[in-house]
Amino acid sequence: MPDIIELLTISFYVSAPILVISAVGQWVIQFKLIPNHHLETLAALRCILYTIISAYILSILIWLAWPLDPSLIMYNDRLSIPTAIAEFIVIPFWLKRCGYFKREHN
């Protein structure tokens, strides 16, 4: 049990800056680059929250299944590669799931 808590804590502290930066990037995509999304602001913010939570959970799973040397989890001791991989997976998933990529019917 202490190992799991330690993993969650370390993963959170390593992933937090990346999760915040990607949340800001997702906010820019949702509110500035896709202006005609027809979603309420609360629903769009909920989409960002879902992305952060699922990216954190997925990054932990990637950490646990990391096939390479554990020292390669970090890039230049700053960027968590599992968190970046998780963000690349979950941002498009949640944008589509929240309705940002729906086709417009004429």
N, C-alpha and C. Protein backbone atom coordinates (compact mmCIF):
# COMPACT_ATOMS: atom_id res chain seq x y z
N MET A 1 0.81 -1.21 0.00
CA MET A 1 0.00 0.00 0.00
C MET A 1 0.85 1.27 0.00
N PRO A 2 1.93 1.35 0.79
CA PRO A 2 2.76 2.56 0.75
C PRO A 2 3.40 2.79 -0.63
N ASP A 3 3.67 1.69 -1.36
CA ASP A 3 4.24 1.85 -2.69
C ASP A 3 3.25 2.51 -3.65
N ILE A 4 1.98 2.16 -3.52
CA ILE A 4 0.96 2.74 -4.39
C ILE A 4 0.78 4.22 -4.07
N ILE A 5 0.75 4.56 -2.80
CA ILE A 5 0.62 5.97 -2.41
C ILE A 5 1.84 6.77 -2.88
N GLU A 6 3.01 6.17 -2.77
CA GLU A 6 4.23 6.85 -3.23
C GLU A 6 4.19 7.04 -4.75
N LEU A 7 3.73 6.02 -5.48
CA LEU A 7 3.61 6.14 -6.93
C LEU A 7 2.62 7.24 -7.31
N LEU A 8 1.46 7.28 -6.65
CA LEU A 8 0.46 8.30 -6.94
C LEU A 8 1.00 9.70 -6.64
N THR A 9 1.72 9.84 -5.54
CA THR A 9 2.27 11.14 -5.16
C THR A 9 3.34 11.60 -6.13
N ILE A 10 4.28 10.72 -6.43
CA ILE A 10 5.36 11.09 -7.37
C ILE A 10 4.77 11.39 -8.74
N SER A 11 3.86 10.54 -9.18
CA SER A 11 3.25 10.76 -10.49
C SER A 11 2.51 12.09 -10.53
N PHE A 12 1.82 12.42 -9.45
CA PHE A 12 1.10 13.69 -9.42
C PHE A 12 2.05 14.88 -9.51
N TYR A 13 3.11 14.87 -8.70
CA TYR A 13 4.04 16.00 -8.71
C TYR A 13 4.80 16.12 -10.02
N VAL A 14 5.10 15.00 -10.65
CA VAL A 14 5.80 15.05 -11.93
C VAL A 14 4.84 15.45 -13.04
N SER A 15 3.62 14.98 -12.97
CA SER A 15 2.64 15.22 -14.04
C SER A 15 1.94 16.56 -13.94
N ALA A 16 1.86 17.14 -12.76
CA ALA A 16 1.06 18.35 -12.55
C ALA A 16 1.42 19.49 -13.51
N PRO A 17 2.70 19.84 -13.69
CA PRO A 17 2.99 20.95 -14.62
C PRO A 17 2.54 20.66 -16.05
N ILE A 18 2.71 19.42 -16.48
CA ILE A 18 2.30 19.06 -17.84
C ILE A 18 0.79 19.09 -17.96
N LEU A 19 0.09 18.61 -16.94
CA LEU A 19 -1.37 18.63 -16.96
C LEU A 19 -1.91 20.05 -16.99
N VAL A 20 -1.28 20.96 -16.26
CA VAL A 20 -1.72 22.36 -16.26
C VAL A 20 -1.47 23.00 -17.61
N ILE A 21 -0.29 22.79 -18.16
CA ILE A 21 0.03 23.37 -19.47
C ILE A 21 -0.90 22.83 -20.54
N SER A 22 -1.16 21.53 -20.52
CA SER A 22 -2.06 20.96 -21.53
C SER A 22 -3.50 21.42 -21.31
N ALA A 23 -3.91 21.66 -20.06
CA ALA A 23 -5.26 22.18 -19.81
C ALA A 23 -5.41 23.58 -20.39
N VAL A 24 -4.38 24.40 -20.25
CA VAL A 24 -4.42 25.74 -20.85
C VAL A 24 -4.46 25.62 -22.38
N GLY A 25 -3.67 24.71 -22.92
CA GLY A 25 -3.69 24.49 -24.37
C GLY A 25 -5.04 23.99 -24.85
N GLN A 26 -5.64 23.10 -24.09
CA GLN A 26 -6.97 22.61 -24.46
C GLN A 26 -8.00 23.72 -24.36
N TRP A 27 -7.88 24.58 -23.37
CA TRP A 27 -8.80 25.71 -23.25
C TRP A 27 -8.69 26.62 -24.49
N VAL A 28 -7.47 26.86 -24.94
CA VAL A 28 -7.27 27.68 -26.14
C VAL A 28 -7.91 27.01 -27.35
N ILE A 29 -7.72 25.71 -27.47
CA ILE A 29 -8.33 24.99 -28.59
C ILE A 29 -9.85 25.08 -28.52
N GLN A 30 -10.41 24.82 -27.36
CA GLN A 30 -11.86 24.78 -27.23
C GLN A 30 -12.52 26.14 -27.38
N PHE A 31 -11.94 27.18 -26.79
CA PHE A 31 -12.62 28.47 -26.76
C PHE A 31 -12.15 29.44 -27.84
N LYS A 32 -10.95 29.26 -28.36
CA LYS A 32 -10.44 30.21 -29.35
C LYS A 32 -10.35 29.63 -30.76
N LEU A 33 -9.91 28.38 -30.88
CA LEU A 33 -9.72 27.80 -32.22
C LEU A 33 -10.99 27.16 -32.76
N ILE A 34 -11.89 26.74 -31.88
CA ILE A 34 -13.16 26.15 -32.30
C ILE A 34 -14.28 27.03 -31.72
N PRO A 35 -14.48 28.22 -32.27
CA PRO A 35 -15.44 29.14 -31.65
C PRO A 35 -16.90 28.73 -31.82
N ASN A 36 -17.23 27.97 -32.83
CA ASN A 36 -18.63 27.59 -33.08
C ASN A 36 -18.90 26.18 -32.58
N HIS A 37 -18.62 25.93 -31.34
CA HIS A 37 -18.77 24.58 -30.81
C HIS A 37 -20.14 24.32 -30.24
N HIS A 38 -20.95 25.31 -29.99
CA HIS A 38 -22.32 25.18 -29.50
C HIS A 38 -22.41 24.44 -28.16
N LEU A 39 -21.41 24.58 -27.33
CA LEU A 39 -21.44 24.00 -25.98
C LEU A 39 -21.46 25.12 -24.96
N GLU A 40 -22.10 24.85 -23.85
CA GLU A 40 -22.09 25.82 -22.76
C GLU A 40 -20.69 25.85 -22.14
N THR A 41 -20.38 26.96 -21.50
CA THR A 41 -19.06 27.11 -20.88
C THR A 41 -18.81 26.06 -19.82
N LEU A 42 -19.81 25.73 -19.03
CA LEU A 42 -19.65 24.73 -17.99
C LEU A 42 -19.35 23.36 -18.59
N ALA A 43 -20.01 23.01 -19.69
CA ALA A 43 -19.76 21.73 -20.35
C ALA A 43 -18.34 21.69 -20.93
N ALA A 44 -17.87 22.80 -21.45
CA ALA A 44 -16.51 22.86 -21.99
C ALA A 44 -15.47 22.74 -20.88
N LEU A 45 -15.72 23.37 -19.75
CA LEU A 45 -14.81 23.25 -18.61
C LEU A 45 -14.83 21.84 -18.04
N ARG A 46 -15.99 21.21 -18.07
CA ARG A 46 -16.10 19.83 -17.62
C ARG A 46 -15.27 18.91 -18.53
N CYS A 47 -15.24 19.21 -19.81
CA CYS A 47 -14.44 18.45 -20.77
C CYS A 47 -12.96 18.55 -20.40
N ILE A 48 -12.50 19.73 -20.02
CA ILE A 48 -11.11 19.91 -19.61
C ILE A 48 -10.83 19.13 -18.33
N LEU A 49 -11.75 19.15 -17.39
CA LEU A 49 -11.58 18.41 -16.14
C LEU A 49 -11.51 16.91 -16.40
N TYR A 50 -12.39 16.39 -17.26
CA TYR A 50 -12.34 14.98 -17.61
C TYR A 50 -11.00 14.62 -18.25
N THR A 51 -10.50 15.52 -19.07
CA THR A 51 -9.22 15.27 -19.73
C THR A 51 -8.09 15.19 -18.72
N ILE A 52 -8.07 16.11 -17.76
CA ILE A 52 -7.01 16.11 -16.76
C ILE A 52 -7.05 14.83 -15.93
N ILE A 53 -8.22 14.45 -15.48
CA ILE A 53 -8.35 13.26 -14.63
C ILE A 53 -7.97 12.00 -15.40
N SER A 54 -8.50 11.85 -16.60
CA SER A 54 -8.20 10.63 -17.36
C SER A 54 -6.74 10.60 -17.82
N ALA A 55 -6.15 11.75 -18.11
CA ALA A 55 -4.73 11.77 -18.49
C ALA A 55 -3.86 11.37 -17.31
N TYR A 56 -4.22 11.81 -16.11
CA TYR A 56 -3.46 11.43 -14.92
C TYR A 56 -3.55 9.93 -14.68
N ILE A 57 -4.74 9.37 -14.79
CA ILE A 57 -4.92 7.93 -14.58
C ILE A 57 -4.19 7.14 -15.66
N LEU A 58 -4.31 7.57 -16.91
CA LEU A 58 -3.61 6.87 -17.99
C LEU A 58 -2.10 6.98 -17.84
N SER A 59 -1.61 8.13 -17.38
CA SER A 59 -0.15 8.27 -17.20
C SER A 59 0.36 7.32 -16.12
N ILE A 60 -0.44 7.09 -15.08
CA ILE A 60 -0.04 6.12 -14.05
C ILE A 60 0.03 4.72 -14.64
N LEU A 61 -0.95 4.37 -15.47
CA LEU A 61 -0.93 3.05 -16.11
C LEU A 61 0.28 2.91 -17.03
N ILE A 62 0.62 3.98 -17.74
CA ILE A 62 1.80 3.94 -18.60
C ILE A 62 3.07 3.82 -17.76
N TRP A 63 3.12 4.53 -16.62
CA TRP A 63 4.26 4.41 -15.71
C TRP A 63 4.43 2.96 -15.27
N LEU A 64 3.32 2.33 -14.90
CA LEU A 64 3.39 0.95 -14.40
C LEU A 64 3.79 -0.04 -15.49
N ALA A 65 3.41 0.23 -16.72
CA ALA A 65 3.72 -0.68 -17.83
C ALA A 65 4.93 -0.22 -18.64
N TRP A 66 5.70 0.72 -18.11
CA TRP A 66 6.82 1.30 -18.84
C TRP A 66 7.83 0.21 -19.19
N PRO A 67 8.05 -0.05 -20.49
CA PRO A 67 8.92 -1.16 -20.88
C PRO A 67 10.42 -0.81 -20.88
N LEU A 68 10.74 0.44 -20.86
CA LEU A 68 12.13 0.86 -20.94
C LEU A 68 12.71 1.05 -19.54
N ASP A 69 13.94 1.46 -19.50
CA ASP A 69 14.62 1.73 -18.24
C ASP A 69 13.85 2.82 -17.48
N PRO A 70 13.59 2.65 -16.19
CA PRO A 70 12.83 3.65 -15.43
C PRO A 70 13.45 5.05 -15.46
N SER A 71 14.74 5.14 -15.69
CA SER A 71 15.35 6.47 -15.76
C SER A 71 14.93 7.22 -17.02
N LEU A 72 14.35 6.53 -17.99
CA LEU A 72 13.91 7.17 -19.23
C LEU A 72 12.47 7.69 -19.16
N ILE A 73 11.86 7.63 -17.99
CA ILE A 73 10.50 8.17 -17.84
C ILE A 73 10.52 9.69 -17.98
N MET A 74 11.59 10.30 -17.54
CA MET A 74 11.70 11.76 -17.60
C MET A 74 12.57 12.16 -18.79
N TYR A 75 12.19 13.25 -19.43
CA TYR A 75 12.99 13.81 -20.51
C TYR A 75 13.70 15.04 -19.95
N ASN A 76 15.00 15.01 -19.90
CA ASN A 76 15.82 16.10 -19.35
C ASN A 76 15.39 16.47 -17.93
N ASP A 77 14.96 15.48 -17.16
CA ASP A 77 14.52 15.67 -15.77
C ASP A 77 13.40 16.69 -15.62
N ARG A 78 12.66 16.92 -16.67
CA ARG A 78 11.59 17.91 -16.59
C ARG A 78 10.25 17.37 -17.09
N LEU A 79 10.26 16.66 -18.18
CA LEU A 79 9.02 16.26 -18.84
C LEU A 79 8.77 14.77 -18.63
N SER A 80 7.62 14.46 -18.10
CA SER A 80 7.24 13.06 -17.93
C SER A 80 6.71 12.54 -19.26
N ILE A 81 7.42 11.61 -19.82
CA ILE A 81 7.02 11.05 -21.11
C ILE A 81 5.67 10.33 -21.01
N PRO A 82 5.40 9.52 -19.96
CA PRO A 82 4.08 8.90 -19.87
C PRO A 82 2.93 9.91 -19.81
N THR A 83 3.14 11.03 -19.14
CA THR A 83 2.08 12.05 -19.09
C THR A 83 1.87 12.68 -20.46
N ALA A 84 2.93 12.96 -21.17
CA ALA A 84 2.80 13.52 -22.51
C ALA A 84 2.08 12.55 -23.44
N ILE A 85 2.42 11.27 -23.36
CA ILE A 85 1.74 10.26 -24.17
C ILE A 85 0.26 10.21 -23.81
N ALA A 86 -0.03 10.23 -22.52
CA ALA A 86 -1.44 10.20 -22.08
C ALA A 86 -2.20 11.41 -22.59
N GLU A 87 -1.59 12.58 -22.56
CA GLU A 87 -2.26 13.79 -23.06
C GLU A 87 -2.55 13.69 -24.55
N PHE A 88 -1.60 13.16 -25.32
CA PHE A 88 -1.82 13.01 -26.76
C PHE A 88 -2.95 12.03 -27.06
N ILE A 89 -3.21 11.13 -26.16
CA ILE A 89 -4.30 10.17 -26.35
C ILE A 89 -5.64 10.73 -25.90
N VAL A 90 -5.69 11.34 -24.72
CA VAL A 90 -6.99 11.70 -24.14
C VAL A 90 -7.55 13.03 -24.63
N ILE A 91 -6.72 13.99 -25.04
CA ILE A 91 -7.27 15.27 -25.52
C ILE A 91 -8.16 15.06 -26.74
N PRO A 92 -7.69 14.39 -27.80
CA PRO A 92 -8.61 14.18 -28.94
C PRO A 92 -9.83 13.34 -28.56
N PHE A 93 -9.64 12.35 -27.68
CA PHE A 93 -10.76 11.52 -27.25
C PHE A 93 -11.85 12.36 -26.60
N TRP A 94 -11.47 13.20 -25.63
CA TRP A 94 -12.47 13.99 -24.91
C TRP A 94 -13.03 15.11 -25.77
N LEU A 95 -12.24 15.68 -26.66
CA LEU A 95 -12.79 16.71 -27.55
C LEU A 95 -13.87 16.10 -28.43
N LYS A 96 -13.63 14.92 -28.95
CA LYS A 96 -14.64 14.26 -29.77
C LYS A 96 -15.84 13.85 -28.92
N ARG A 97 -15.57 13.30 -27.76
CA ARG A 97 -16.64 12.84 -26.87
C ARG A 97 -17.53 13.99 -26.40
N CYS A 98 -16.94 15.16 -26.21
CA CYS A 98 -17.71 16.33 -25.75
C CYS A 98 -18.41 17.05 -26.89
N GLY A 99 -18.20 16.62 -28.12
CA GLY A 99 -18.95 17.17 -29.24
C GLY A 99 -18.25 18.22 -30.06
N TYR A 100 -16.95 18.30 -29.98
CA TYR A 100 -16.23 19.32 -30.75
C TYR A 100 -16.01 18.92 -32.20
N PHE A 101 -16.08 17.65 -32.50
CA PHE A 101 -15.82 17.21 -33.87
C PHE A 101 -17.06 16.65 -34.55
N LYS A 102 -18.23 17.10 -34.14
CA LYS A 102 -19.46 16.65 -34.77
C LYS A 102 -19.58 17.29 -36.15
N ARG A 103 -20.12 16.52 -37.06
CA ARG A 103 -20.32 17.03 -38.42
C ARG A 103 -21.52 17.95 -38.45
N GLU A 104 -21.38 19.02 -39.20
CA GLU A 104 -22.49 19.95 -39.40
C GLU A 104 -23.38 19.43 -40.52
N HIS A 105 -24.65 19.28 -40.26
CA HIS A 105 -25.60 18.85 -41.29
C HIS A 105 -26.24 20.07 -41.90
N ASN A 106 -26.31 20.07 -43.23
CA ASN A 106 -26.89 21.23 -43.94
C ASN A 106 -28.38 21.19 -43.94
